[in-house]
């Protein structure tokens, strides 16, 4: 249902767009956990590019228009890009049965996730 709604041209506010980006981000974090529990299988190619998700698209368009020169916005891009890379690395490490690397990446994902959500909240508060 989320995918269908995302494809519709709905008139949503900038704050709602930030909340959707946060939700999508948290869903990816949950997907990694589900993979580690053995519930789902993930493909690293589906997460490697941070510009194709809702947050990446928002960042390159409306987000840049609203917040382009602000330090929180630039930090968001770095952390968001690293989050995607870290997810892809964790998926590859999981498939390669490299538990130590998966554990290290899982810790990094938690920290990155907190900073991405924090940056989004800071930006949302400026709206």
PDB file of N, CA and C in Angstrom:
ATOM      1  N   UNK A   1       0.823  -1.175   0.000  1.00  0.00           N
ATOM      2  CA  UNK A   1       0.000   0.000   0.000  1.00  0.00           C
ATOM      3  C   UNK A   1       0.876   1.251   0.000  1.00  0.00           C
ATOM      4  N   UNK A   2       1.984   1.231   0.773  1.00  0.00           N
ATOM      5  CA  UNK A   2       2.879   2.389   0.800  1.00  0.00           C
ATOM      6  C   UNK A   2       3.445   2.675  -0.584  1.00  0.00           C
ATOM      7  N   UNK A   3       3.804   1.634  -1.318  1.00  0.00           N
ATOM      8  CA  UNK A   3       4.358   1.816  -2.656  1.00  0.00           C
ATOM      9  C   UNK A   3       3.327   2.429  -3.586  1.00  0.00           C
ATOM     10  N   UNK A   4       2.104   1.967  -3.504  1.00  0.00           N
ATOM     11  CA  UNK A   4       1.026   2.510  -4.333  1.00  0.00           C
ATOM     12  C   UNK A   4       0.794   3.974  -4.005  1.00  0.00           C
ATOM     13  N   UNK A   5       0.707   4.281  -2.723  1.00  0.00           N
ATOM     14  CA  UNK A   5       0.494   5.668  -2.305  1.00  0.00           C
ATOM     15  C   UNK A   5       1.654   6.567  -2.720  1.00  0.00           C
ATOM     16  N   UNK A   6       2.869   6.031  -2.654  1.00  0.00           N
ATOM     17  CA  UNK A   6       4.039   6.829  -3.033  1.00  0.00           C
ATOM     18  C   UNK A   6       4.003   7.208  -4.507  1.00  0.00           C
ATOM     19  N   UNK A   7       3.373   6.369  -5.334  1.00  0.00           N
ATOM     20  CA  UNK A   7       3.289   6.645  -6.763  1.00  0.00           C
ATOM     21  C   UNK A   7       2.208   7.635  -7.139  1.00  0.00           C
ATOM     22  N   UNK A   8       1.331   7.953  -6.200  1.00  0.00           N
ATOM     23  CA  UNK A   8       0.256   8.904  -6.472  1.00  0.00           C
ATOM     24  C   UNK A   8       0.746  10.329  -6.278  1.00  0.00           C
ATOM     25  N   UNK A   9       0.160  11.231  -6.997  1.00  0.00           N
ATOM     26  CA  UNK A   9       0.517  12.646  -6.871  1.00  0.00           C
ATOM     27  C   UNK A   9      -0.357  13.278  -5.788  1.00  0.00           C
ATOM     28  N   UNK A  10      -0.008  12.992  -4.530  1.00  0.00           N
ATOM     29  CA  UNK A  10      -0.778  13.508  -3.406  1.00  0.00           C
ATOM     30  C   UNK A  10      -0.198  14.834  -2.959  1.00  0.00           C
ATOM     31  N   UNK A  11      -1.059  15.694  -2.514  1.00  0.00           N
ATOM     32  CA  UNK A  11      -0.635  16.997  -2.024  1.00  0.00           C
ATOM     33  C   UNK A  11      -0.301  16.871  -0.541  1.00  0.00           C
ATOM     34  N   UNK A  12       0.975  16.565  -0.245  1.00  0.00           N
ATOM     35  CA  UNK A  12       1.370  16.427   1.147  1.00  0.00           C
ATOM     36  C   UNK A  12       2.313  17.570   1.515  1.00  0.00           C
ATOM     37  N   UNK A  13       2.317  17.916   2.768  1.00  0.00           N
ATOM     38  CA  UNK A  13       3.134  19.026   3.236  1.00  0.00           C
ATOM     39  C   UNK A  13       4.598  18.609   3.324  1.00  0.00           C
ATOM     40  N   UNK A  14       5.467  19.593   3.449  1.00  0.00           N
ATOM     41  CA  UNK A  14       6.895  19.304   3.602  1.00  0.00           C
ATOM     42  C   UNK A  14       7.151  18.516   4.882  1.00  0.00           C
ATOM     43  N   UNK A  15       6.442  18.855   5.950  1.00  0.00           N
ATOM     44  CA  UNK A  15       6.602  18.114   7.205  1.00  0.00           C
ATOM     45  C   UNK A  15       6.172  16.651   7.039  1.00  0.00           C
ATOM     46  N   UNK A  16       5.072  16.431   6.329  1.00  0.00           N
ATOM     47  CA  UNK A  16       4.612  15.058   6.088  1.00  0.00           C
ATOM     48  C   UNK A  16       5.616  14.300   5.228  1.00  0.00           C
ATOM     49  N   UNK A  17       6.227  14.984   4.274  1.00  0.00           N
ATOM     50  CA  UNK A  17       7.233  14.352   3.437  1.00  0.00           C
ATOM     51  C   UNK A  17       8.433  13.912   4.270  1.00  0.00           C
ATOM     52  N   UNK A  18       8.849  14.739   5.218  1.00  0.00           N
ATOM     53  CA  UNK A  18       9.953  14.375   6.103  1.00  0.00           C
ATOM     54  C   UNK A  18       9.561  13.169   6.950  1.00  0.00           C
ATOM     55  N   UNK A  19       8.327  13.153   7.454  1.00  0.00           N
ATOM     56  CA  UNK A  19       7.867  12.011   8.258  1.00  0.00           C
ATOM     57  C   UNK A  19       7.839  10.723   7.430  1.00  0.00           C
ATOM     58  N   UNK A  20       7.412  10.813   6.177  1.00  0.00           N
ATOM     59  CA  UNK A  20       7.431   9.637   5.300  1.00  0.00           C
ATOM     60  C   UNK A  20       8.856   9.148   5.080  1.00  0.00           C
ATOM     61  N   UNK A  21       9.775  10.074   4.890  1.00  0.00           N
ATOM     62  CA  UNK A  21      11.180   9.697   4.711  1.00  0.00           C
ATOM     63  C   UNK A  21      11.709   8.996   5.961  1.00  0.00           C
ATOM     64  N   UNK A  22      11.341   9.502   7.138  1.00  0.00           N
ATOM     65  CA  UNK A  22      11.751   8.855   8.386  1.00  0.00           C
ATOM     66  C   UNK A  22      11.185   7.441   8.474  1.00  0.00           C
ATOM     67  N   UNK A  23       9.930   7.283   8.127  1.00  0.00           N
ATOM     68  CA  UNK A  23       9.295   5.964   8.173  1.00  0.00           C
ATOM     69  C   UNK A  23       9.975   4.992   7.221  1.00  0.00           C
ATOM     70  N   UNK A  24      10.229   5.441   5.997  1.00  0.00           N
ATOM     71  CA  UNK A  24      10.920   4.589   5.024  1.00  0.00           C
ATOM     72  C   UNK A  24      12.296   4.180   5.547  1.00  0.00           C
ATOM     73  N   UNK A  25      12.998   5.130   6.128  1.00  0.00           N
ATOM     74  CA  UNK A  25      14.327   4.857   6.680  1.00  0.00           C
ATOM     75  C   UNK A  25      14.230   3.782   7.775  1.00  0.00           C
ATOM     76  N   UNK A  26      13.281   3.947   8.681  1.00  0.00           N
ATOM     77  CA  UNK A  26      13.111   2.977   9.767  1.00  0.00           C
ATOM     78  C   UNK A  26      12.696   1.604   9.244  1.00  0.00           C
ATOM     79  N   UNK A  27      11.936   1.594   8.169  1.00  0.00           N
ATOM     80  CA  UNK A  27      11.555   0.305   7.564  1.00  0.00           C
ATOM     81  C   UNK A  27      12.782  -0.426   7.020  1.00  0.00           C
ATOM     82  N   UNK A  28      13.712   0.297   6.420  1.00  0.00           N
ATOM     83  CA  UNK A  28      14.936  -0.359   5.939  1.00  0.00           C
ATOM     84  C   UNK A  28      15.753  -0.883   7.099  1.00  0.00           C
ATOM     85  N   UNK A  29      15.796  -0.133   8.165  1.00  0.00           N
ATOM     86  CA  UNK A  29      16.509  -0.590   9.362  1.00  0.00           C
ATOM     87  C   UNK A  29      15.867  -1.880   9.870  1.00  0.00           C
ATOM     88  N   UNK A  30      14.548  -1.936   9.861  1.00  0.00           N
ATOM     89  CA  UNK A  30      13.827  -3.137  10.289  1.00  0.00           C
ATOM     90  C   UNK A  30      14.071  -4.301   9.333  1.00  0.00           C
ATOM     91  N   UNK A  31      14.159  -4.015   8.035  1.00  0.00           N
ATOM     92  CA  UNK A  31      14.422  -5.079   7.062  1.00  0.00           C
ATOM     93  C   UNK A  31      15.769  -5.749   7.327  1.00  0.00           C
ATOM     94  N   UNK A  32      16.762  -4.946   7.677  1.00  0.00           N
ATOM     95  CA  UNK A  32      18.074  -5.523   7.999  1.00  0.00           C
ATOM     96  C   UNK A  32      17.941  -6.447   9.207  1.00  0.00           C
ATOM     97  N   UNK A  33      17.219  -6.019  10.218  1.00  0.00           N
ATOM     98  CA  UNK A  33      17.001  -6.867  11.397  1.00  0.00           C
ATOM     99  C   UNK A  33      16.272  -8.142  11.020  1.00  0.00           C
ATOM    100  N   UNK A  34      15.251  -8.030  10.172  1.00  0.00           N
ATOM    101  CA  UNK A  34      14.511  -9.219   9.745  1.00  0.00           C
ATOM    102  C   UNK A  34      15.417 -10.188   8.988  1.00  0.00           C
ATOM    103  N   UNK A  35      16.321  -9.656   8.177  1.00  0.00           N
ATOM    104  CA  UNK A  35      17.261 -10.513   7.459  1.00  0.00           C
ATOM    105  C   UNK A  35      18.147 -11.257   8.462  1.00  0.00           C
ATOM    106  N   UNK A  36      18.639 -10.548   9.469  1.00  0.00           N
ATOM    107  CA  UNK A  36      19.519 -11.169  10.458  1.00  0.00           C
ATOM    108  C   UNK A  36      18.799 -12.251  11.257  1.00  0.00           C
ATOM    109  N   UNK A  37      17.491 -12.093  11.424  1.00  0.00           N
ATOM    110  CA  UNK A  37      16.687 -13.114  12.109  1.00  0.00           C
ATOM    111  C   UNK A  37      16.338 -14.275  11.188  1.00  0.00           C
ATOM    112  N   UNK A  38      16.665 -14.148   9.908  1.00  0.00           N
ATOM    113  CA  UNK A  38      16.369 -15.202   8.942  1.00  0.00           C
ATOM    114  C   UNK A  38      14.959 -15.149   8.387  1.00  0.00           C
ATOM    115  N   UNK A  39      14.242 -14.051   8.614  1.00  0.00           N
ATOM    116  CA  UNK A  39      12.852 -13.935   8.168  1.00  0.00           C
ATOM    117  C   UNK A  39      12.713 -13.565   6.700  1.00  0.00           C
ATOM    118  N   UNK A  40      13.670 -12.779   6.185  1.00  0.00           N
ATOM    119  CA  UNK A  40      13.608 -12.350   4.789  1.00  0.00           C
ATOM    120  C   UNK A  40      15.014 -12.417   4.188  1.00  0.00           C
ATOM    121  N   UNK A  41      15.057 -12.399   2.869  1.00  0.00           N
ATOM    122  CA  UNK A  41      16.336 -12.335   2.168  1.00  0.00           C
ATOM    123  C   UNK A  41      16.395 -11.001   1.436  1.00  0.00           C
ATOM    124  N   UNK A  42      17.513 -10.327   1.520  1.00  0.00           N
ATOM    125  CA  UNK A  42      17.665  -9.026   0.883  1.00  0.00           C
ATOM    126  C   UNK A  42      18.772  -9.071  -0.161  1.00  0.00           C
ATOM    127  N   UNK A  43      18.659  -8.181  -1.126  1.00  0.00           N
ATOM    128  CA  UNK A  43      19.648  -8.027  -2.184  1.00  0.00           C
ATOM    129  C   UNK A  43      20.296  -6.654  -2.004  1.00  0.00           C
ATOM    130  N   UNK A  44      21.607  -6.634  -1.867  1.00  0.00           N
ATOM    131  CA  UNK A  44      22.328  -5.381  -1.620  1.00  0.00           C
ATOM    132  C   UNK A  44      22.115  -4.356  -2.727  1.00  0.00           C
ATOM    133  N   UNK A  45      21.864  -4.815  -3.937  1.00  0.00           N
ATOM    134  CA  UNK A  45      21.681  -3.872  -5.046  1.00  0.00           C
ATOM    135  C   UNK A  45      20.422  -3.020  -4.870  1.00  0.00           C
ATOM    136  N   UNK A  46      19.496  -3.465  -4.058  1.00  0.00           N
ATOM    137  CA  UNK A  46      18.260  -2.708  -3.831  1.00  0.00           C
ATOM    138  C   UNK A  46      18.431  -1.558  -2.842  1.00  0.00           C
ATOM    139  N   UNK A  47      19.570  -1.490  -2.184  1.00  0.00           N
ATOM    140  CA  UNK A  47      19.757  -0.450  -1.161  1.00  0.00           C
ATOM    141  C   UNK A  47      21.052   0.350  -1.363  1.00  0.00           C
ATOM    142  N   UNK A  48      21.900  -0.089  -2.230  1.00  0.00           N
ATOM    143  CA  UNK A  48      23.227   0.510  -2.373  1.00  0.00           C
ATOM    144  C   UNK A  48      23.189   1.998  -2.757  1.00  0.00           C
ATOM    145  N   UNK A  49      22.275   2.396  -3.625  1.00  0.00           N
ATOM    146  CA  UNK A  49      22.210   3.774  -4.126  1.00  0.00           C
ATOM    147  C   UNK A  49      21.281   4.615  -3.256  1.00  0.00           C
ATOM    148  N   UNK A  50      21.848   5.555  -2.520  1.00  0.00           N
ATOM    149  CA  UNK A  50      21.058   6.369  -1.585  1.00  0.00           C
ATOM    150  C   UNK A  50      20.222   7.439  -2.287  1.00  0.00           C
ATOM    151  N   UNK A  51      20.353   7.583  -3.585  1.00  0.00           N
ATOM    152  CA  UNK A  51      19.597   8.625  -4.286  1.00  0.00           C
ATOM    153  C   UNK A  51      18.265   8.133  -4.834  1.00  0.00           C
ATOM    154  N   UNK A  52      17.997   6.834  -4.746  1.00  0.00           N
ATOM    155  CA  UNK A  52      16.774   6.299  -5.360  1.00  0.00           C
ATOM    156  C   UNK A  52      15.607   6.125  -4.385  1.00  0.00           C
ATOM    157  N   UNK A  53      15.872   6.231  -3.091  1.00  0.00           N
ATOM    158  CA  UNK A  53      14.784   6.098  -2.115  1.00  0.00           C
ATOM    159  C   UNK A  53      14.061   7.437  -1.978  1.00  0.00           C
ATOM    160  N   UNK A  54      12.962   7.438  -1.259  1.00  0.00           N
ATOM    161  CA  UNK A  54      12.176   8.656  -1.064  1.00  0.00           C
ATOM    162  C   UNK A  54      13.024   9.774  -0.456  1.00  0.00           C
ATOM    163  N   UNK A  55      13.817   9.442   0.551  1.00  0.00           N
ATOM    164  CA  UNK A  55      14.648  10.456   1.184  1.00  0.00           C
ATOM    165  C   UNK A  55      15.692  10.989   0.205  1.00  0.00           C
ATOM    166  N   UNK A  56      16.307  10.120  -0.562  1.00  0.00           N
ATOM    167  CA  UNK A  56      17.297  10.551  -1.537  1.00  0.00           C
ATOM    168  C   UNK A  56      16.704  11.462  -2.603  1.00  0.00           C
ATOM    169  N   UNK A  57      15.513  11.116  -3.053  1.00  0.00           N
ATOM    170  CA  UNK A  57      14.837  11.954  -4.054  1.00  0.00           C
ATOM    171  C   UNK A  57      14.417  13.291  -3.457  1.00  0.00           C
ATOM    172  N   UNK A  58      13.907  13.277  -2.222  1.00  0.00           N
ATOM    173  CA  UNK A  58      13.515  14.507  -1.547  1.00  0.00           C
ATOM    174  C   UNK A  58      14.743  15.382  -1.328  1.00  0.00           C
ATOM    175  N   UNK A  59      15.838  14.757  -0.919  1.00  0.00           N
ATOM    176  CA  UNK A  59      17.061  15.491  -0.653  1.00  0.00           C
ATOM    177  C   UNK A  59      17.517  16.267  -1.891  1.00  0.00           C
ATOM    178  N   UNK A  60      17.471  15.624  -3.049  1.00  0.00           N
ATOM    179  CA  UNK A  60      17.968  16.227  -4.290  1.00  0.00           C
ATOM    180  C   UNK A  60      17.033  17.291  -4.860  1.00  0.00           C
ATOM    181  N   UNK A  61      15.783  17.318  -4.401  1.00  0.00           N
ATOM    182  CA  UNK A  61      14.811  18.254  -4.982  1.00  0.00           C
ATOM    183  C   UNK A  61      14.323  19.240  -3.921  1.00  0.00           C
ATOM    184  N   UNK A  62      13.205  18.938  -3.328  1.00  0.00           N
ATOM    185  CA  UNK A  62      12.557  19.844  -2.379  1.00  0.00           C
ATOM    186  C   UNK A  62      13.432  20.134  -1.156  1.00  0.00           C
ATOM    187  N   UNK A  63      14.129  19.113  -0.664  1.00  0.00           N
ATOM    188  CA  UNK A  63      14.992  19.313   0.487  1.00  0.00           C
ATOM    189  C   UNK A  63      16.094  20.322   0.198  1.00  0.00           C
ATOM    190  N   UNK A  64      16.712  20.195  -0.963  1.00  0.00           N
ATOM    191  CA  UNK A  64      17.778  21.131  -1.353  1.00  0.00           C
ATOM    192  C   UNK A  64      17.219  22.545  -1.496  1.00  0.00           C
ATOM    193  N   UNK A  65      16.012  22.624  -2.036  1.00  0.00           N
ATOM    194  CA  UNK A  65      15.348  23.918  -2.198  1.00  0.00           C
ATOM    195  C   UNK A  65      15.088  24.583  -0.834  1.00  0.00           C
ATOM    196  N   UNK A  66      14.665  23.782   0.132  1.00  0.00           N
ATOM    197  CA  UNK A  66      14.323  24.313   1.448  1.00  0.00           C
ATOM    198  C   UNK A  66      15.535  24.556   2.345  1.00  0.00           C
ATOM    199  N   UNK A  67      16.522  23.647   2.290  1.00  0.00           N
ATOM    200  CA  UNK A  67      17.580  23.641   3.289  1.00  0.00           C
ATOM    201  C   UNK A  67      18.999  23.626   2.725  1.00  0.00           C
ATOM    202  N   UNK A  68      19.154  23.799   1.423  1.00  0.00           N
ATOM    203  CA  UNK A  68      20.419  23.616   0.728  1.00  0.00           C
ATOM    204  C   UNK A  68      21.693  23.997   1.433  1.00  0.00           C
ATOM    205  N   UNK A  69      21.769  25.161   2.044  1.00  0.00           N
ATOM    206  CA  UNK A  69      23.016  25.608   2.634  1.00  0.00           C
ATOM    207  C   UNK A  69      23.183  25.309   4.105  1.00  0.00           C
ATOM    208  N   UNK A  70      22.248  24.623   4.704  1.00  0.00           N
ATOM    209  CA  UNK A  70      22.297  24.408   6.146  1.00  0.00           C
ATOM    210  C   UNK A  70      23.141  23.187   6.501  1.00  0.00           C
ATOM    211  N   UNK A  71      23.937  23.301   7.573  1.00  0.00           N
ATOM    212  CA  UNK A  71      24.845  22.205   7.941  1.00  0.00           C
ATOM    213  C   UNK A  71      24.126  20.886   8.250  1.00  0.00           C
ATOM    214  N   UNK A  72      22.935  20.961   8.850  1.00  0.00           N
ATOM    215  CA  UNK A  72      22.189  19.733   9.151  1.00  0.00           C
ATOM    216  C   UNK A  72      21.833  18.991   7.868  1.00  0.00           C
ATOM    217  N   UNK A  73      21.562  19.755   6.840  1.00  0.00           N
ATOM    218  CA  UNK A  73      21.192  19.174   5.557  1.00  0.00           C
ATOM    219  C   UNK A  73      22.385  18.462   4.932  1.00  0.00           C
ATOM    220  N   UNK A  74      23.541  19.082   4.999  1.00  0.00           N
ATOM    221  CA  UNK A  74      24.741  18.464   4.437  1.00  0.00           C
ATOM    222  C   UNK A  74      25.146  17.235   5.251  1.00  0.00           C
ATOM    223  N   UNK A  75      24.995  17.298   6.557  1.00  0.00           N
ATOM    224  CA  UNK A  75      25.281  16.140   7.413  1.00  0.00           C
ATOM    225  C   UNK A  75      24.325  14.995   7.083  1.00  0.00           C
ATOM    226  N   UNK A  76      23.075  15.339   6.828  1.00  0.00           N
ATOM    227  CA  UNK A  76      22.083  14.329   6.477  1.00  0.00           C
ATOM    228  C   UNK A  76      22.522  13.549   5.246  1.00  0.00           C
ATOM    229  N   UNK A  77      23.018  14.236   4.238  1.00  0.00           N
ATOM    230  CA  UNK A  77      23.435  13.517   3.020  1.00  0.00           C
ATOM    231  C   UNK A  77      24.568  12.543   3.317  1.00  0.00           C
ATOM    232  N   UNK A  78      25.570  12.988   4.058  1.00  0.00           N
ATOM    233  CA  UNK A  78      26.697  12.100   4.385  1.00  0.00           C
ATOM    234  C   UNK A  78      26.214  10.865   5.158  1.00  0.00           C
ATOM    235  N   UNK A  79      25.409  11.104   6.191  1.00  0.00           N
ATOM    236  CA  UNK A  79      24.947   9.989   7.028  1.00  0.00           C
ATOM    237  C   UNK A  79      23.998   9.076   6.262  1.00  0.00           C
ATOM    238  N   UNK A  80      23.137   9.658   5.436  1.00  0.00           N
ATOM    239  CA  UNK A  80      22.192   8.872   4.658  1.00  0.00           C
ATOM    240  C   UNK A  80      22.926   8.006   3.630  1.00  0.00           C
ATOM    241  N   UNK A  81      23.910   8.581   2.958  1.00  0.00           N
ATOM    242  CA  UNK A  81      24.697   7.817   1.979  1.00  0.00           C
ATOM    243  C   UNK A  81      25.440   6.676   2.673  1.00  0.00           C
ATOM    244  N   UNK A  82      26.030   6.954   3.832  1.00  0.00           N
ATOM    245  CA  UNK A  82      26.747   5.916   4.567  1.00  0.00           C
ATOM    246  C   UNK A  82      25.782   4.853   5.074  1.00  0.00           C
ATOM    247  N   UNK A  83      24.579   5.253   5.490  1.00  0.00           N
ATOM    248  CA  UNK A  83      23.585   4.273   5.937  1.00  0.00           C
ATOM    249  C   UNK A  83      23.288   3.271   4.826  1.00  0.00           C
ATOM    250  N   UNK A  84      23.060   3.781   3.613  1.00  0.00           N
ATOM    251  CA  UNK A  84      22.778   2.881   2.488  1.00  0.00           C
ATOM    252  C   UNK A  84      23.967   1.968   2.200  1.00  0.00           C
ATOM    253  N   UNK A  85      25.165   2.535   2.198  1.00  0.00           N
ATOM    254  CA  UNK A  85      26.362   1.725   1.948  1.00  0.00           C
ATOM    255  C   UNK A  85      26.529   0.664   3.031  1.00  0.00           C
ATOM    256  N   UNK A  86      26.268   1.057   4.258  1.00  0.00           N
ATOM    257  CA  UNK A  86      26.391   0.136   5.384  1.00  0.00           C
ATOM    258  C   UNK A  86      25.352  -0.987   5.299  1.00  0.00           C
ATOM    259  N   UNK A  87      24.132  -0.657   4.885  1.00  0.00           N
ATOM    260  CA  UNK A  87      23.107  -1.688   4.683  1.00  0.00           C
ATOM    261  C   UNK A  87      23.571  -2.694   3.627  1.00  0.00           C
ATOM    262  N   UNK A  88      24.081  -2.184   2.518  1.00  0.00           N
ATOM    263  CA  UNK A  88      24.548  -3.065   1.441  1.00  0.00           C
ATOM    264  C   UNK A  88      25.707  -3.934   1.921  1.00  0.00           C
ATOM    265  N   UNK A  89      26.629  -3.339   2.665  1.00  0.00           N
ATOM    266  CA  UNK A  89      27.751  -4.113   3.208  1.00  0.00           C
ATOM    267  C   UNK A  89      27.267  -5.184   4.178  1.00  0.00           C
ATOM    268  N   UNK A  90      26.282  -4.852   5.006  1.00  0.00           N
ATOM    269  CA  UNK A  90      25.739  -5.824   5.969  1.00  0.00           C
ATOM    270  C   UNK A  90      25.058  -6.977   5.244  1.00  0.00           C
ATOM    271  N   UNK A  91      24.339  -6.674   4.176  1.00  0.00           N
ATOM    272  CA  UNK A  91      23.677  -7.734   3.393  1.00  0.00           C
ATOM    273  C   UNK A  91      24.732  -8.644   2.774  1.00  0.00           C
ATOM    274  N   UNK A  92      25.755  -8.038   2.174  1.00  0.00           N
ATOM    275  CA  UNK A  92      26.826  -8.838   1.576  1.00  0.00           C
ATOM    276  C   UNK A  92      27.553  -9.673   2.628  1.00  0.00           C
ATOM    277  N   UNK A  93      27.831  -9.073   3.783  1.00  0.00           N
ATOM    278  CA  UNK A  93      28.514  -9.803   4.854  1.00  0.00           C
ATOM    279  C   UNK A  93      27.647 -10.940   5.377  1.00  0.00           C
ATOM    280  N   UNK A  94      26.349 -10.703   5.484  1.00  0.00           N
ATOM    281  CA  UNK A  94      25.419 -11.750   5.927  1.00  0.00           C
ATOM    282  C   UNK A  94      25.439 -12.920   4.947  1.00  0.00           C
ATOM    283  N   UNK A  95      25.348 -12.612   3.664  1.00  0.00           N
ATOM    284  CA  UNK A  95      25.382 -13.675   2.649  1.00  0.00           C
ATOM    285  C   UNK A  95      26.730 -14.380   2.632  1.00  0.00           C
ATOM    286  N   UNK A  96      27.801 -13.658   2.980  1.00  0.00           N
ATOM    287  CA  UNK A  96      29.132 -14.249   3.047  1.00  0.00           C
ATOM    288  C   UNK A  96      29.431 -14.917   4.374  1.00  0.00           C
ATOM    289  N   UNK A  97      28.435 -14.933   5.260  1.00  0.00           N
ATOM    290  CA  UNK A  97      28.531 -15.571   6.578  1.00  0.00           C
ATOM    291  C   UNK A  97      29.670 -14.988   7.423  1.00  0.00           C
ATOM    292  N   UNK A  98      29.884 -13.681   7.301  1.00  0.00           N
ATOM    293  CA  UNK A  98      30.906 -12.981   8.072  1.00  0.00           C
ATOM    294  C   UNK A  98      30.225 -12.322   9.270  1.00  0.00           C
ATOM    295  N   UNK A  99      29.987 -13.117  10.310  1.00  0.00           N
ATOM    296  CA  UNK A  99      29.221 -12.659  11.462  1.00  0.00           C
ATOM    297  C   UNK A  99      29.872 -11.470  12.168  1.00  0.00           C
ATOM    298  N   UNK A 100      31.191 -11.486  12.315  1.00  0.00           N
ATOM    299  CA  UNK A 100      31.863 -10.379  13.005  1.00  0.00           C
ATOM    300  C   UNK A 100      31.630  -9.065  12.261  1.00  0.00           C
ATOM    301  N   UNK A 101      31.754  -9.074  10.941  1.00  0.00           N
ATOM    302  CA  UNK A 101      31.521  -7.865  10.158  1.00  0.00           C
ATOM    303  C   UNK A 101      30.060  -7.439  10.250  1.00  0.00           C
ATOM    304  N   UNK A 102      29.144  -8.400  10.193  1.00  0.00           N
ATOM    305  CA  UNK A 102      27.713  -8.087  10.326  1.00  0.00           C
ATOM    306  C   UNK A 102      27.454  -7.407  11.661  1.00  0.00           C
ATOM    307  N   UNK A 103      28.040  -7.935  12.728  1.00  0.00           N
ATOM    308  CA  UNK A 103      27.851  -7.337  14.057  1.00  0.00           C
ATOM    309  C   UNK A 103      28.371  -5.899  14.093  1.00  0.00           C
ATOM    310  N   UNK A 104      29.562  -5.681  13.535  1.00  0.00           N
ATOM    311  CA  UNK A 104      30.130  -4.330  13.503  1.00  0.00           C
ATOM    312  C   UNK A 104      29.255  -3.380  12.683  1.00  0.00           C
ATOM    313  N   UNK A 105      28.793  -3.851  11.545  1.00  0.00           N
ATOM    314  CA  UNK A 105      27.954  -3.020  10.682  1.00  0.00           C
ATOM    315  C   UNK A 105      26.599  -2.742  11.327  1.00  0.00           C
ATOM    316  N   UNK A 106      26.075  -3.699  12.059  1.00  0.00           N
ATOM    317  CA  UNK A 106      24.798  -3.502  12.749  1.00  0.00           C
ATOM    318  C   UNK A 106      24.920  -2.385  13.786  1.00  0.00           C
ATOM    319  N   UNK A 107      26.026  -2.349  14.488  1.00  0.00           N
ATOM    320  CA  UNK A 107      26.254  -1.261  15.447  1.00  0.00           C
ATOM    321  C   UNK A 107      26.343   0.083  14.720  1.00  0.00           C
ATOM    322  N   UNK A 108      27.073   0.103  13.609  1.00  0.00           N
ATOM    323  CA  UNK A 108      27.192   1.345  12.845  1.00  0.00           C
ATOM    324  C   UNK A 108      25.837   1.777  12.300  1.00  0.00           C
ATOM    325  N   UNK A 109      25.033   0.801  11.836  1.00  0.00           N
ATOM    326  CA  UNK A 109      23.696   1.123  11.333  1.00  0.00           C
ATOM    327  C   UNK A 109      22.830   1.777  12.395  1.00  0.00           C
ATOM    328  N   UNK A 110      22.914   1.288  13.603  1.00  0.00           N
ATOM    329  CA  UNK A 110      22.123   1.874  14.694  1.00  0.00           C
ATOM    330  C   UNK A 110      22.521   3.324  14.926  1.00  0.00           C
ATOM    331  N   UNK A 111      23.824   3.590  14.953  1.00  0.00           N
ATOM    332  CA  UNK A 111      24.300   4.958  15.166  1.00  0.00           C
ATOM    333  C   UNK A 111      23.916   5.851  13.994  1.00  0.00           C
ATOM    334  N   UNK A 112      24.095   5.371  12.781  1.00  0.00           N
ATOM    335  CA  UNK A 112      23.733   6.157  11.598  1.00  0.00           C
ATOM    336  C   UNK A 112      22.239   6.440  11.558  1.00  0.00           C
ATOM    337  N   UNK A 113      21.461   5.448  11.898  1.00  0.00           N
ATOM    338  CA  UNK A 113      20.016   5.611  11.891  1.00  0.00           C
ATOM    339  C   UNK A 113      19.601   6.724  12.846  1.00  0.00           C
ATOM    340  N   UNK A 114      20.195   6.732  14.009  1.00  0.00           N
ATOM    341  CA  UNK A 114      19.871   7.775  14.989  1.00  0.00           C
ATOM    342  C   UNK A 114      20.248   9.160  14.465  1.00  0.00           C
ATOM    343  N   UNK A 115      21.384   9.269  13.789  1.00  0.00           N
ATOM    344  CA  UNK A 115      21.787  10.586  13.284  1.00  0.00           C
ATOM    345  C   UNK A 115      20.922  11.019  12.103  1.00  0.00           C
ATOM    346  N   UNK A 116      20.533  10.089  11.247  1.00  0.00           N
ATOM    347  CA  UNK A 116      19.647  10.434  10.123  1.00  0.00           C
ATOM    348  C   UNK A 116      18.309  10.934  10.661  1.00  0.00           C
ATOM    349  N   UNK A 117      17.730  10.193  11.588  1.00  0.00           N
ATOM    350  CA  UNK A 117      16.445  10.595  12.171  1.00  0.00           C
ATOM    351  C   UNK A 117      16.599  11.937  12.894  1.00  0.00           C
ATOM    352  N   UNK A 118      17.688  12.113  13.629  1.00  0.00           N
ATOM    353  CA  UNK A 118      17.929  13.376  14.325  1.00  0.00           C
ATOM    354  C   UNK A 118      18.035  14.557  13.364  1.00  0.00           C
ATOM    355  N   UNK A 119      18.755  14.358  12.264  1.00  0.00           N
ATOM    356  CA  UNK A 119      18.890  15.430  11.264  1.00  0.00           C
ATOM    357  C   UNK A 119      17.542  15.760  10.640  1.00  0.00           C
ATOM    358  N   UNK A 120      16.768  14.729  10.340  1.00  0.00           N
ATOM    359  CA  UNK A 120      15.437  14.970   9.765  1.00  0.00           C
ATOM    360  C   UNK A 120      14.548  15.731  10.743  1.00  0.00           C
ATOM    361  N   UNK A 121      14.617  15.362  12.006  1.00  0.00           N
ATOM    362  CA  UNK A 121      13.819  16.074  13.010  1.00  0.00           C
ATOM    363  C   UNK A 121      14.261  17.534  13.130  1.00  0.00           C
ATOM    364  N   UNK A 122      15.568  17.782  13.097  1.00  0.00           N
ATOM    365  CA  UNK A 122      16.057  19.168  13.157  1.00  0.00           C
ATOM    366  C   UNK A 122      15.549  19.966  11.968  1.00  0.00           C
ATOM    367  N   UNK A 123      15.593  19.370  10.782  1.00  0.00           N
ATOM    368  CA  UNK A 123      15.126  20.068   9.596  1.00  0.00           C
ATOM    369  C   UNK A 123      13.613  20.296   9.645  1.00  0.00           C
ATOM    370  N   UNK A 124      12.892  19.273  10.091  1.00  0.00           N
ATOM    371  CA  UNK A 124      11.436  19.404  10.191  1.00  0.00           C
ATOM    372  C   UNK A 124      11.056  20.528  11.146  1.00  0.00           C
ATOM    373  N   UNK A 125      11.800  20.670  12.218  1.00  0.00           N
ATOM    374  CA  UNK A 125      11.515  21.738  13.184  1.00  0.00           C
ATOM    375  C   UNK A 125      11.739  23.117  12.608  1.00  0.00           C
ATOM    376  N   UNK A 126      12.512  23.226  11.548  1.00  0.00           N
ATOM    377  CA  UNK A 126      12.754  24.513  10.908  1.00  0.00           C
ATOM    378  C   UNK A 126      11.653  24.875   9.917  1.00  0.00           C
ATOM    379  N   UNK A 127      10.782  23.924   9.613  1.00  0.00           N
ATOM    380  CA  UNK A 127       9.694  24.194   8.660  1.00  0.00           C
ATOM    381  C   UNK A 127       8.591  25.008   9.323  1.00  0.00           C
TER     382      UNK A 127
END
